[in-house]
PDB file of N, CA and C in Angstrom:
ATOM      1  N   UNK A   1      74.688  82.317 151.163  1.00  0.00           N
ATOM      2  CA  UNK A   1      75.260  82.802 152.393  1.00  0.00           C
ATOM      3  C   UNK A   1      76.172  83.990 152.099  1.00  0.00           C
ATOM      4  N   UNK A   2      75.959  85.078 152.758  1.00  0.00           N
ATOM      5  CA  UNK A   2      76.773  86.266 152.577  1.00  0.00           C
ATOM      6  C   UNK A   2      77.951  86.233 153.539  1.00  0.00           C
ATOM      7  N   UNK A   3      79.144  86.524 153.009  1.00  0.00           N
ATOM      8  CA  UNK A   3      80.356  86.488 153.817  1.00  0.00           C
ATOM      9  C   UNK A   3      81.083  87.817 153.651  1.00  0.00           C
ATOM     10  N   UNK A   4      81.425  88.457 154.766  1.00  0.00           N
ATOM     11  CA  UNK A   4      82.260  89.655 154.742  1.00  0.00           C
ATOM     12  C   UNK A   4      83.706  89.173 154.803  1.00  0.00           C
ATOM     13  N   UNK A   5      84.445  89.358 153.710  1.00  0.00           N
ATOM     14  CA  UNK A   5      85.771  88.761 153.598  1.00  0.00           C
ATOM     15  C   UNK A   5      86.706  89.146 154.744  1.00  0.00           C
ATOM     16  N   UNK A   6      86.819  90.425 155.014  1.00  0.00           N
ATOM     17  CA  UNK A   6      87.751  90.848 156.057  1.00  0.00           C
ATOM     18  C   UNK A   6      87.267  90.398 157.423  1.00  0.00           C
ATOM     19  N   UNK A   7      86.014  90.602 157.722  1.00  0.00           N
ATOM     20  CA  UNK A   7      85.486  90.249 159.042  1.00  0.00           C
ATOM     21  C   UNK A   7      85.429  88.739 159.268  1.00  0.00           C
ATOM     22  N   UNK A   8      84.964  87.988 158.283  1.00  0.00           N
ATOM     23  CA  UNK A   8      84.696  86.566 158.475  1.00  0.00           C
ATOM     24  C   UNK A   8      85.844  85.632 158.104  1.00  0.00           C
ATOM     25  N   UNK A   9      86.783  86.095 157.293  1.00  0.00           N
ATOM     26  CA  UNK A   9      87.830  85.187 156.822  1.00  0.00           C
ATOM     27  C   UNK A   9      89.229  85.615 157.247  1.00  0.00           C
ATOM     28  N   UNK A  10      89.599  86.859 156.976  1.00  0.00           N
ATOM     29  CA  UNK A  10      90.950  87.306 157.268  1.00  0.00           C
ATOM     30  C   UNK A  10      91.272  87.150 158.750  1.00  0.00           C
ATOM     31  N   UNK A  11      92.401  86.565 159.056  1.00  0.00           N
ATOM     32  CA  UNK A  11      92.894  86.289 160.417  1.00  0.00           C
ATOM     33  C   UNK A  11      92.128  85.185 161.140  1.00  0.00           C
ATOM     34  N   UNK A  12      91.215  84.509 160.470  1.00  0.00           N
ATOM     35  CA  UNK A  12      90.497  83.393 161.099  1.00  0.00           C
ATOM     36  C   UNK A  12      91.408  82.174 161.192  1.00  0.00           C
ATOM     37  N   UNK A  13      91.209  81.398 162.239  1.00  0.00           N
ATOM     38  CA  UNK A  13      91.959  80.163 162.413  1.00  0.00           C
ATOM     39  C   UNK A  13      91.491  79.142 161.389  1.00  0.00           C
ATOM     40  N   UNK A  14      92.446  78.513 160.716  1.00  0.00           N
ATOM     41  CA  UNK A  14      92.147  77.459 159.764  1.00  0.00           C
ATOM     42  C   UNK A  14      92.451  76.124 160.439  1.00  0.00           C
ATOM     43  N   UNK A  15      91.508  75.190 160.353  1.00  0.00           N
ATOM     44  CA  UNK A  15      91.706  73.865 160.933  1.00  0.00           C
ATOM     45  C   UNK A  15      91.469  72.811 159.863  1.00  0.00           C
ATOM     46  N   UNK A  16      92.164  71.684 160.009  1.00  0.00           N
ATOM     47  CA  UNK A  16      91.990  70.610 159.036  1.00  0.00           C
ATOM     48  C   UNK A  16      90.756  69.792 159.366  1.00  0.00           C
ATOM     49  N   UNK A  17      90.549  68.729 158.622  1.00  0.00           N
ATOM     50  CA  UNK A  17      89.341  67.905 158.797  1.00  0.00           C
ATOM     51  C   UNK A  17      89.270  67.236 160.163  1.00  0.00           C
ATOM     52  N   UNK A  18      90.420  67.146 160.869  1.00  0.00           N
ATOM     53  CA  UNK A  18      90.449  66.537 162.203  1.00  0.00           C
ATOM     54  C   UNK A  18      90.486  67.587 163.316  1.00  0.00           C
ATOM     55  N   UNK A  19      90.367  68.864 162.962  1.00  0.00           N
ATOM     56  CA  UNK A  19      90.386  69.925 163.959  1.00  0.00           C
ATOM     57  C   UNK A  19      91.772  70.412 164.325  1.00  0.00           C
ATOM     58  N   UNK A  20      92.813  69.930 163.624  1.00  0.00           N
ATOM     59  CA  UNK A  20      94.179  70.368 163.885  1.00  0.00           C
ATOM     60  C   UNK A  20      94.411  71.735 163.241  1.00  0.00           C
ATOM     61  N   UNK A  21      95.017  72.677 163.968  1.00  0.00           N
ATOM     62  CA  UNK A  21      95.240  74.006 163.402  1.00  0.00           C
ATOM     63  C   UNK A  21      96.277  74.008 162.284  1.00  0.00           C
ATOM     64  N   UNK A  22      96.006  74.801 161.252  1.00  0.00           N
ATOM     65  CA  UNK A  22      96.921  74.996 160.124  1.00  0.00           C
ATOM     66  C   UNK A  22      97.612  76.346 160.204  1.00  0.00           C
ATOM     67  N   UNK A  23      97.008  77.288 160.874  1.00  0.00           N
ATOM     68  CA  UNK A  23      97.491  78.661 160.913  1.00  0.00           C
ATOM     69  C   UNK A  23      96.308  79.588 160.750  1.00  0.00           C
ATOM     70  N   UNK A  24      96.581  80.814 160.376  1.00  0.00           N
ATOM     71  CA  UNK A  24      95.520  81.799 160.183  1.00  0.00           C
ATOM     72  C   UNK A  24      95.499  82.258 158.731  1.00  0.00           C
ATOM     73  N   UNK A  25      94.347  82.691 158.288  1.00  0.00           N
ATOM     74  CA  UNK A  25      94.207  83.210 156.927  1.00  0.00           C
ATOM     75  C   UNK A  25      94.848  84.592 156.889  1.00  0.00           C
ATOM     76  N   UNK A  26      96.059  84.667 156.333  1.00  0.00           N
ATOM     77  CA  UNK A  26      96.795  85.924 156.280  1.00  0.00           C
ATOM     78  C   UNK A  26      96.453  86.748 155.050  1.00  0.00           C
ATOM     79  N   UNK A  27      95.907  86.129 154.028  1.00  0.00           N
ATOM     80  CA  UNK A  27      95.571  86.848 152.811  1.00  0.00           C
ATOM     81  C   UNK A  27      94.450  86.169 152.053  1.00  0.00           C
ATOM     82  N   UNK A  28      93.841  86.936 151.170  1.00  0.00           N
ATOM     83  CA  UNK A  28      92.743  86.450 150.337  1.00  0.00           C
ATOM     84  C   UNK A  28      93.127  86.724 148.887  1.00  0.00           C
ATOM     85  N   UNK A  29      93.077  85.694 148.043  1.00  0.00           N
ATOM     86  CA  UNK A  29      93.426  85.830 146.631  1.00  0.00           C
ATOM     87  C   UNK A  29      92.133  85.837 145.823  1.00  0.00           C
ATOM     88  N   UNK A  30      92.022  86.815 144.942  1.00  0.00           N
ATOM     89  CA  UNK A  30      90.815  86.940 144.116  1.00  0.00           C
ATOM     90  C   UNK A  30      91.206  86.958 142.645  1.00  0.00           C
ATOM     91  N   UNK A  31      90.252  86.622 141.803  1.00  0.00           N
ATOM     92  CA  UNK A  31      90.474  86.717 140.364  1.00  0.00           C
ATOM     93  C   UNK A  31      89.350  87.541 139.748  1.00  0.00           C
ATOM     94  N   UNK A  32      89.705  88.223 138.671  1.00  0.00           N
ATOM     95  CA  UNK A  32      88.733  89.030 137.938  1.00  0.00           C
ATOM     96  C   UNK A  32      88.739  88.572 136.494  1.00  0.00           C
ATOM     97  N   UNK A  33      87.562  88.437 135.948  1.00  0.00           N
ATOM     98  CA  UNK A  33      87.427  88.125 134.528  1.00  0.00           C
ATOM     99  C   UNK A  33      86.514  89.173 133.914  1.00  0.00           C
ATOM    100  N   UNK A  34      86.728  89.491 132.663  1.00  0.00           N
ATOM    101  CA  UNK A  34      85.876  90.498 132.015  1.00  0.00           C
ATOM    102  C   UNK A  34      84.397  90.126 132.107  1.00  0.00           C
ATOM    103  N   UNK A  35      83.582  91.096 132.390  1.00  0.00           N
ATOM    104  CA  UNK A  35      82.127  90.936 132.458  1.00  0.00           C
ATOM    105  C   UNK A  35      81.668  89.921 133.506  1.00  0.00           C
ATOM    106  N   UNK A  36      82.457  89.754 134.547  1.00  0.00           N
ATOM    107  CA  UNK A  36      82.077  88.836 135.621  1.00  0.00           C
ATOM    108  C   UNK A  36      82.458  89.464 136.963  1.00  0.00           C
ATOM    109  N   UNK A  37      81.761  89.063 137.985  1.00  0.00           N
ATOM    110  CA  UNK A  37      82.063  89.568 139.324  1.00  0.00           C
ATOM    111  C   UNK A  37      83.380  88.969 139.818  1.00  0.00           C
ATOM    112  N   UNK A  38      84.141  89.712 140.613  1.00  0.00           N
ATOM    113  CA  UNK A  38      85.359  89.135 141.193  1.00  0.00           C
ATOM    114  C   UNK A  38      84.997  87.943 142.074  1.00  0.00           C
ATOM    115  N   UNK A  39      85.898  86.987 142.153  1.00  0.00           N
ATOM    116  CA  UNK A  39      85.629  85.834 143.012  1.00  0.00           C
ATOM    117  C   UNK A  39      86.884  85.455 143.787  1.00  0.00           C
ATOM    118  N   UNK A  40      86.668  84.948 144.986  1.00  0.00           N
ATOM    119  CA  UNK A  40      87.760  84.481 145.839  1.00  0.00           C
ATOM    120  C   UNK A  40      88.196  83.117 145.338  1.00  0.00           C
ATOM    121  N   UNK A  41      89.512  82.936 145.139  1.00  0.00           N
ATOM    122  CA  UNK A  41      90.016  81.662 144.644  1.00  0.00           C
ATOM    123  C   UNK A  41      90.838  80.907 145.689  1.00  0.00           C
ATOM    124  N   UNK A  42      91.587  81.629 146.523  1.00  0.00           N
ATOM    125  CA  UNK A  42      92.481  80.982 147.486  1.00  0.00           C
ATOM    126  C   UNK A  42      92.574  81.782 148.780  1.00  0.00           C
ATOM    127  N   UNK A  43      92.957  81.095 149.839  1.00  0.00           N
ATOM    128  CA  UNK A  43      93.373  81.724 151.082  1.00  0.00           C
ATOM    129  C   UNK A  43      94.881  81.550 151.161  1.00  0.00           C
ATOM    130  N   UNK A  44      95.588  82.569 151.635  1.00  0.00           N
ATOM    131  CA  UNK A  44      97.039  82.484 151.760  1.00  0.00           C
ATOM    132  C   UNK A  44      97.452  82.485 153.222  1.00  0.00           C
ATOM    133  N   UNK A  45      98.479  81.700 153.511  1.00  0.00           N
ATOM    134  CA  UNK A  45      99.057  81.630 154.844  1.00  0.00           C
ATOM    135  C   UNK A  45     100.532  81.966 154.735  1.00  0.00           C
ATOM    136  N   UNK A  46     101.074  82.583 155.754  1.00  0.00           N
ATOM    137  CA  UNK A  46     102.515  82.802 155.791  1.00  0.00           C
ATOM    138  C   UNK A  46     102.898  84.208 156.189  1.00  0.00           C
ATOM    139  N   UNK A  47     104.114  84.304 156.706  1.00  0.00           N
ATOM    140  CA  UNK A  47     104.615  85.575 157.213  1.00  0.00           C
ATOM    141  C   UNK A  47     104.759  86.628 156.118  1.00  0.00           C
ATOM    142  N   UNK A  48     105.153  86.224 154.913  1.00  0.00           N
ATOM    143  CA  UNK A  48     105.310  87.213 153.844  1.00  0.00           C
ATOM    144  C   UNK A  48     103.974  87.828 153.448  1.00  0.00           C
ATOM    145  N   UNK A  49     102.934  87.025 153.427  1.00  0.00           N
ATOM    146  CA  UNK A  49     101.602  87.554 153.126  1.00  0.00           C
ATOM    147  C   UNK A  49     101.163  88.498 154.231  1.00  0.00           C
ATOM    148  N   UNK A  50     101.363  88.091 155.470  1.00  0.00           N
ATOM    149  CA  UNK A  50     101.015  88.940 156.605  1.00  0.00           C
ATOM    150  C   UNK A  50     101.805  90.239 156.585  1.00  0.00           C
ATOM    151  N   UNK A  51     103.074  90.194 156.216  1.00  0.00           N
ATOM    152  CA  UNK A  51     103.925  91.380 156.204  1.00  0.00           C
ATOM    153  C   UNK A  51     103.357  92.474 155.303  1.00  0.00           C
ATOM    154  N   UNK A  52     102.723  92.095 154.208  1.00  0.00           N
ATOM    155  CA  UNK A  52     102.168  93.086 153.274  1.00  0.00           C
ATOM    156  C   UNK A  52     101.017  93.879 153.882  1.00  0.00           C
ATOM    157  N   UNK A  53     100.479  93.399 155.001  1.00  0.00           N
ATOM    158  CA  UNK A  53      99.376  94.094 155.665  1.00  0.00           C
ATOM    159  C   UNK A  53      99.853  95.003 156.795  1.00  0.00           C
ATOM    160  N   UNK A  54     101.140  94.975 157.089  1.00  0.00           N
ATOM    161  CA  UNK A  54     101.677  95.739 158.210  1.00  0.00           C
ATOM    162  C   UNK A  54     102.131  97.134 157.784  1.00  0.00           C
ATOM    163  N   UNK A  55     102.210  98.065 158.743  1.00  0.00           N
ATOM    164  CA  UNK A  55     102.748  99.392 158.429  1.00  0.00           C
ATOM    165  C   UNK A  55     104.208  99.299 157.985  1.00  0.00           C
ATOM    166  N   UNK A  56     104.661 100.285 157.252  1.00  0.00           N
ATOM    167  CA  UNK A  56     105.966 100.304 156.604  1.00  0.00           C
ATOM    168  C   UNK A  56     107.135  99.831 157.478  1.00  0.00           C
ATOM    169  N   UNK A  57     107.401 100.379 158.658  1.00  0.00           N
ATOM    170  CA  UNK A  57     108.604  99.924 159.376  1.00  0.00           C
ATOM    171  C   UNK A  57     108.531  98.447 159.782  1.00  0.00           C
ATOM    172  N   UNK A  58     107.369  97.969 160.163  1.00  0.00           N
ATOM    173  CA  UNK A  58     107.220  96.576 160.587  1.00  0.00           C
ATOM    174  C   UNK A  58     107.255  95.627 159.397  1.00  0.00           C
ATOM    175  N   UNK A  59     106.745  96.082 158.272  1.00  0.00           N
ATOM    176  CA  UNK A  59     106.724  95.241 157.069  1.00  0.00           C
ATOM    177  C   UNK A  59     108.128  94.759 156.707  1.00  0.00           C
ATOM    178  N   UNK A  60     109.070  95.660 156.670  1.00  0.00           N
ATOM    179  CA  UNK A  60     110.446  95.310 156.313  1.00  0.00           C
ATOM    180  C   UNK A  60     111.071  94.332 157.287  1.00  0.00           C
ATOM    181  N   UNK A  61     110.804  94.521 158.569  1.00  0.00           N
ATOM    182  CA  UNK A  61     111.362  93.633 159.593  1.00  0.00           C
ATOM    183  C   UNK A  61     110.809  92.222 159.433  1.00  0.00           C
ATOM    184  N   UNK A  62     109.478  92.109 159.291  1.00  0.00           N
ATOM    185  CA  UNK A  62     108.852  90.795 159.155  1.00  0.00           C
ATOM    186  C   UNK A  62     109.290  90.126 157.848  1.00  0.00           C
ATOM    187  N   UNK A  63     109.387  90.881 156.757  1.00  0.00           N
ATOM    188  CA  UNK A  63     109.843  90.307 155.484  1.00  0.00           C
ATOM    189  C   UNK A  63     111.268  89.783 155.612  1.00  0.00           C
ATOM    190  N   UNK A  64     112.146  90.546 156.268  1.00  0.00           N
ATOM    191  CA  UNK A  64     113.541  90.137 156.439  1.00  0.00           C
ATOM    192  C   UNK A  64     113.626  88.829 157.223  1.00  0.00           C
ATOM    193  N   UNK A  65     112.892  88.756 158.333  1.00  0.00           N
ATOM    194  CA  UNK A  65     112.896  87.545 159.155  1.00  0.00           C
ATOM    195  C   UNK A  65     112.316  86.366 158.372  1.00  0.00           C
ATOM    196  N   UNK A  66     111.185  86.583 157.708  1.00  0.00           N
ATOM    197  CA  UNK A  66     110.524  85.501 156.967  1.00  0.00           C
ATOM    198  C   UNK A  66     111.402  84.971 155.844  1.00  0.00           C
ATOM    199  N   UNK A  67     112.122  85.845 155.159  1.00  0.00           N
ATOM    200  CA  UNK A  67     112.975  85.400 154.060  1.00  0.00           C
ATOM    201  C   UNK A  67     114.128  84.540 154.550  1.00  0.00           C
ATOM    202  N   UNK A  68     114.552  84.748 155.778  1.00  0.00           N
ATOM    203  CA  UNK A  68     115.653  83.959 156.313  1.00  0.00           C
ATOM    204  C   UNK A  68     115.198  82.666 156.973  1.00  0.00           C
ATOM    205  N   UNK A  69     113.941  82.614 157.386  1.00  0.00           N
ATOM    206  CA  UNK A  69     113.446  81.431 158.081  1.00  0.00           C
ATOM    207  C   UNK A  69     112.550  80.540 157.231  1.00  0.00           C
ATOM    208  N   UNK A  70     112.103  81.017 156.085  1.00  0.00           N
ATOM    209  CA  UNK A  70     111.150  80.242 155.292  1.00  0.00           C
ATOM    210  C   UNK A  70     111.841  79.118 154.527  1.00  0.00           C
ATOM    211  N   UNK A  71     111.101  78.057 154.298  1.00  0.00           N
ATOM    212  CA  UNK A  71     111.597  76.933 153.521  1.00  0.00           C
ATOM    213  C   UNK A  71     110.931  76.878 152.143  1.00  0.00           C
ATOM    214  N   UNK A  72     110.026  77.815 151.871  1.00  0.00           N
ATOM    215  CA  UNK A  72     109.202  77.724 150.663  1.00  0.00           C
ATOM    216  C   UNK A  72     109.614  78.714 149.579  1.00  0.00           C
ATOM    217  N   UNK A  73     110.858  79.155 149.545  1.00  0.00           N
ATOM    218  CA  UNK A  73     111.332  80.046 148.486  1.00  0.00           C
ATOM    219  C   UNK A  73     110.471  81.304 148.356  1.00  0.00           C
ATOM    220  N   UNK A  74     110.036  81.855 149.479  1.00  0.00           N
ATOM    221  CA  UNK A  74     109.237  83.090 149.507  1.00  0.00           C
ATOM    222  C   UNK A  74     107.916  82.978 148.757  1.00  0.00           C
ATOM    223  N   UNK A  75     107.378  81.784 148.676  1.00  0.00           N
ATOM    224  CA  UNK A  75     106.089  81.557 148.043  1.00  0.00           C
ATOM    225  C   UNK A  75     105.073  81.257 149.144  1.00  0.00           C
ATOM    226  N   UNK A  76     104.006  82.049 149.233  1.00  0.00           N
ATOM    227  CA  UNK A  76     103.020  81.770 150.284  1.00  0.00           C
ATOM    228  C   UNK A  76     102.300  80.446 150.031  1.00  0.00           C
ATOM    229  N   UNK A  77     101.842  79.850 151.100  1.00  0.00           N
ATOM    230  CA  UNK A  77     101.067  78.622 150.994  1.00  0.00           C
ATOM    231  C   UNK A  77      99.635  79.001 150.678  1.00  0.00           C
ATOM    232  N   UNK A  78      99.073  78.429 149.635  1.00  0.00           N
ATOM    233  CA  UNK A  78      97.709  78.747 149.212  1.00  0.00           C
ATOM    234  C   UNK A  78      96.794  77.545 149.373  1.00  0.00           C
ATOM    235  N   UNK A  79      95.576  77.844 149.818  1.00  0.00           N
ATOM    236  CA  UNK A  79      94.544  76.818 149.950  1.00  0.00           C
ATOM    237  C   UNK A  79      93.387  77.211 149.047  1.00  0.00           C
ATOM    238  N   UNK A  80      93.012  76.323 148.159  1.00  0.00           N
ATOM    239  CA  UNK A  80      91.887  76.557 147.256  1.00  0.00           C
ATOM    240  C   UNK A  80      90.601  76.678 148.080  1.00  0.00           C
ATOM    241  N   UNK A  81      89.795  77.703 147.806  1.00  0.00           N
ATOM    242  CA  UNK A  81      88.576  77.916 148.594  1.00  0.00           C
ATOM    243  C   UNK A  81      87.571  76.785 148.414  1.00  0.00           C
ATOM    244  N   UNK A  82      87.719  75.995 147.375  1.00  0.00           N
ATOM    245  CA  UNK A  82      86.818  74.846 147.213  1.00  0.00           C
ATOM    246  C   UNK A  82      87.058  73.790 148.284  1.00  0.00           C
ATOM    247  N   UNK A  83      88.172  73.909 149.032  1.00  0.00           N
ATOM    248  CA  UNK A  83      88.474  72.976 150.126  1.00  0.00           C
ATOM    249  C   UNK A  83      87.802  73.399 151.439  1.00  0.00           C
ATOM    250  N   UNK A  84      87.178  74.577 151.458  1.00  0.00           N
ATOM    251  CA  UNK A  84      86.499  75.035 152.672  1.00  0.00           C
ATOM    252  C   UNK A  84      85.250  74.190 152.899  1.00  0.00           C
ATOM    253  N   UNK A  85      85.154  73.625 154.104  1.00  0.00           N
ATOM    254  CA  UNK A  85      84.022  72.779 154.462  1.00  0.00           C
ATOM    255  C   UNK A  85      83.014  73.555 155.304  1.00  0.00           C
ATOM    256  N   UNK A  86      83.529  74.391 156.210  1.00  0.00           N
ATOM    257  CA  UNK A  86      82.647  75.104 157.131  1.00  0.00           C
ATOM    258  C   UNK A  86      83.267  76.440 157.526  1.00  0.00           C
ATOM    259  N   UNK A  87      82.433  77.494 157.513  1.00  0.00           N
ATOM    260  CA  UNK A  87      82.830  78.810 158.010  1.00  0.00           C
ATOM    261  C   UNK A  87      82.148  79.051 159.338  1.00  0.00           C
ATOM    262  N   UNK A  88      82.920  79.382 160.346  1.00  0.00           N
ATOM    263  CA  UNK A  88      82.385  79.667 161.670  1.00  0.00           C
ATOM    264  C   UNK A  88      83.433  80.435 162.446  1.00  0.00           C
ATOM    265  N   UNK A  89      83.554  80.151 163.744  1.00  0.00           N
ATOM    266  CA  UNK A  89      84.623  80.783 164.527  1.00  0.00           C
ATOM    267  C   UNK A  89      85.974  80.427 163.951  1.00  0.00           C
ATOM    268  N   UNK A  90      86.089  79.240 163.405  1.00  0.00           N
ATOM    269  CA  UNK A  90      87.272  78.826 162.661  1.00  0.00           C
ATOM    270  C   UNK A  90      86.795  78.365 161.287  1.00  0.00           C
ATOM    271  N   UNK A  91      87.743  78.219 160.381  1.00  0.00           N
ATOM    272  CA  UNK A  91      87.404  77.777 159.030  1.00  0.00           C
ATOM    273  C   UNK A  91      87.932  76.361 158.864  1.00  0.00           C
ATOM    274  N   UNK A  92      87.013  75.427 158.642  1.00  0.00           N
ATOM    275  CA  UNK A  92      87.404  74.030 158.473  1.00  0.00           C
ATOM    276  C   UNK A  92      87.754  73.779 157.012  1.00  0.00           C
ATOM    277  N   UNK A  93      88.947  73.207 156.806  1.00  0.00           N
ATOM    278  CA  UNK A  93      89.463  72.935 155.470  1.00  0.00           C
ATOM    279  C   UNK A  93      89.598  71.430 155.293  1.00  0.00           C
ATOM    280  N   UNK A  94      89.222  70.928 154.141  1.00  0.00           N
ATOM    281  CA  UNK A  94      89.302  69.495 153.869  1.00  0.00           C
ATOM    282  C   UNK A  94      90.709  69.116 153.397  1.00  0.00           C
ATOM    283  N   UNK A  95      91.669  69.158 154.327  1.00  0.00           N
ATOM    284  CA  UNK A  95      93.025  68.679 154.074  1.00  0.00           C
ATOM    285  C   UNK A  95      93.557  68.053 155.357  1.00  0.00           C
ATOM    286  N   UNK A  96      94.678  67.361 155.243  1.00  0.00           N
ATOM    287  CA  UNK A  96      95.337  66.747 156.387  1.00  0.00           C
ATOM    288  C   UNK A  96      96.501  67.644 156.798  1.00  0.00           C
ATOM    289  N   UNK A  97      96.379  68.316 157.947  1.00  0.00           N
ATOM    290  CA  UNK A  97      97.402  69.267 158.404  1.00  0.00           C
ATOM    291  C   UNK A  97      98.752  68.603 158.607  1.00  0.00           C
ATOM    292  N   UNK A  98      98.765  67.357 159.059  1.00  0.00           N
ATOM    293  CA  UNK A  98     100.036  66.700 159.353  1.00  0.00           C
ATOM    294  C   UNK A  98     100.889  66.492 158.105  1.00  0.00           C
ATOM    295  N   UNK A  99     100.264  66.471 156.933  1.00  0.00           N
ATOM    296  CA  UNK A  99     101.002  66.283 155.680  1.00  0.00           C
ATOM    297  C   UNK A  99     101.017  67.541 154.827  1.00  0.00           C
ATOM    298  N   UNK A 100     100.492  68.627 155.357  1.00  0.00           N
ATOM    299  CA  UNK A 100     100.370  69.870 154.608  1.00  0.00           C
ATOM    300  C   UNK A 100     101.702  70.611 154.517  1.00  0.00           C
ATOM    301  N   UNK A 101     101.954  71.247 153.395  1.00  0.00           N
ATOM    302  CA  UNK A 101     103.165  72.056 153.224  1.00  0.00           C
ATOM    303  C   UNK A 101     103.150  73.276 154.132  1.00  0.00           C
ATOM    304  N   UNK A 102     101.990  73.644 154.657  1.00  0.00           N
ATOM    305  CA  UNK A 102     101.923  74.794 155.562  1.00  0.00           C
ATOM    306  C   UNK A 102     102.693  74.525 156.851  1.00  0.00           C
ATOM    307  N   UNK A 103     102.983  73.282 157.117  1.00  0.00           N
ATOM    308  CA  UNK A 103     103.709  72.909 158.335  1.00  0.00           C
ATOM    309  C   UNK A 103     105.180  72.568 158.080  1.00  0.00           C
ATOM    310  N   UNK A 104     105.699  72.840 156.886  1.00  0.00           N
ATOM    311  CA  UNK A 104     107.092  72.511 156.569  1.00  0.00           C
ATOM    312  C   UNK A 104     108.070  73.167 157.540  1.00  0.00           C
ATOM    313  N   UNK A 105     107.894  74.448 157.812  1.00  0.00           N
ATOM    314  CA  UNK A 105     108.804  75.154 158.714  1.00  0.00           C
ATOM    315  C   UNK A 105     108.726  74.573 160.116  1.00  0.00           C
ATOM    316  N   UNK A 106     107.518  74.284 160.567  1.00  0.00           N
ATOM    317  CA  UNK A 106     107.326  73.704 161.893  1.00  0.00           C
ATOM    318  C   UNK A 106     108.033  72.349 162.003  1.00  0.00           C
ATOM    319  N   UNK A 107     107.899  71.516 160.969  1.00  0.00           N
ATOM    320  CA  UNK A 107     108.559  70.208 160.982  1.00  0.00           C
ATOM    321  C   UNK A 107     110.081  70.355 160.972  1.00  0.00           C
ATOM    322  N   UNK A 108     110.600  71.320 160.180  1.00  0.00           N
ATOM    323  CA  UNK A 108     112.035  71.539 160.102  1.00  0.00           C
ATOM    324  C   UNK A 108     112.578  71.961 161.467  1.00  0.00           C
ATOM    325  N   UNK A 109     111.892  72.878 162.146  1.00  0.00           N
ATOM    326  CA  UNK A 109     112.319  73.321 163.481  1.00  0.00           C
ATOM    327  C   UNK A 109     112.294  72.153 164.461  1.00  0.00           C
ATOM    328  N   UNK A 110     111.250  71.341 164.398  1.00  0.00           N
ATOM    329  CA  UNK A 110     111.152  70.180 165.285  1.00  0.00           C
ATOM    330  C   UNK A 110     112.316  69.211 165.061  1.00  0.00           C
ATOM    331  N   UNK A 111     112.610  68.914 163.786  1.00  0.00           N
ATOM    332  CA  UNK A 111     113.620  67.913 163.470  1.00  0.00           C
ATOM    333  C   UNK A 111     115.054  68.403 163.631  1.00  0.00           C
ATOM    334  N   UNK A 112     115.310  69.685 163.387  1.00  0.00           N
ATOM    335  CA  UNK A 112     116.684  70.187 163.388  1.00  0.00           C
ATOM    336  C   UNK A 112     117.076  71.004 164.619  1.00  0.00           C
ATOM    337  N   UNK A 113     116.108  71.476 165.355  1.00  0.00           N
ATOM    338  CA  UNK A 113     116.428  72.286 166.539  1.00  0.00           C
ATOM    339  C   UNK A 113     115.917  71.622 167.810  1.00  0.00           C
ATOM    340  N   UNK A 114     114.597  71.425 167.895  1.00  0.00           N
ATOM    341  CA  UNK A 114     113.991  70.876 169.111  1.00  0.00           C
ATOM    342  C   UNK A 114     114.539  69.486 169.405  1.00  0.00           C
ATOM    343  N   UNK A 115     114.705  68.665 168.391  1.00  0.00           N
ATOM    344  CA  UNK A 115     115.188  67.292 168.600  1.00  0.00           C
ATOM    345  C   UNK A 115     116.588  67.258 169.174  1.00  0.00           C
ATOM    346  N   UNK A 116     117.371  68.310 169.000  1.00  0.00           N
ATOM    347  CA  UNK A 116     118.760  68.345 169.490  1.00  0.00           C
ATOM    348  C   UNK A 116     118.866  68.877 170.921  1.00  0.00           C
ATOM    349  N   UNK A 117     117.772  69.351 171.484  1.00  0.00           N
ATOM    350  CA  UNK A 117     117.786  69.850 172.857  1.00  0.00           C
ATOM    351  C   UNK A 117     117.786  68.655 173.796  1.00  0.00           C
ATOM    352  N   UNK A 118     118.760  68.599 174.698  1.00  0.00           N
ATOM    353  CA  UNK A 118     118.826  67.456 175.622  1.00  0.00           C
ATOM    354  C   UNK A 118     117.545  67.336 176.441  1.00  0.00           C
ATOM    355  N   UNK A 119     117.107  66.103 176.646  1.00  0.00           N
ATOM    356  CA  UNK A 119     115.912  65.841 177.443  1.00  0.00           C
ATOM    357  C   UNK A 119     114.636  65.758 176.631  1.00  0.00           C
ATOM    358  N   UNK A 120     114.711  65.960 175.317  1.00  0.00           N
ATOM    359  CA  UNK A 120     113.506  65.867 174.476  1.00  0.00           C
ATOM    360  C   UNK A 120     113.389  64.523 173.833  1.00  0.00           C
TER     361      UNK A 120
END
């Protein structure tokens, strides 16, 4: 199966084995070995990865915000491409989104901000 990396993967919605969204593929990680074709090893998620794709003035703004809001020490969340189950309108990944580190920031906001709003 032939896959155009930018067209078919970059910015595609990633869903877990139950159809729960994980986020979008913000970056593609590749490896090169001597005398071998390059190969895709991981998909990256996160604002810092996305920031590297933005024009100069926006890049700095997004990086500044992400560095202050991230819980992952400025390390993007990576998904091994061997976990990809299906490529289509969305990319199905064989992981459990509810326990995934990609949702750490979302859980922190829920527990420390949303939970303190009266009526929730």
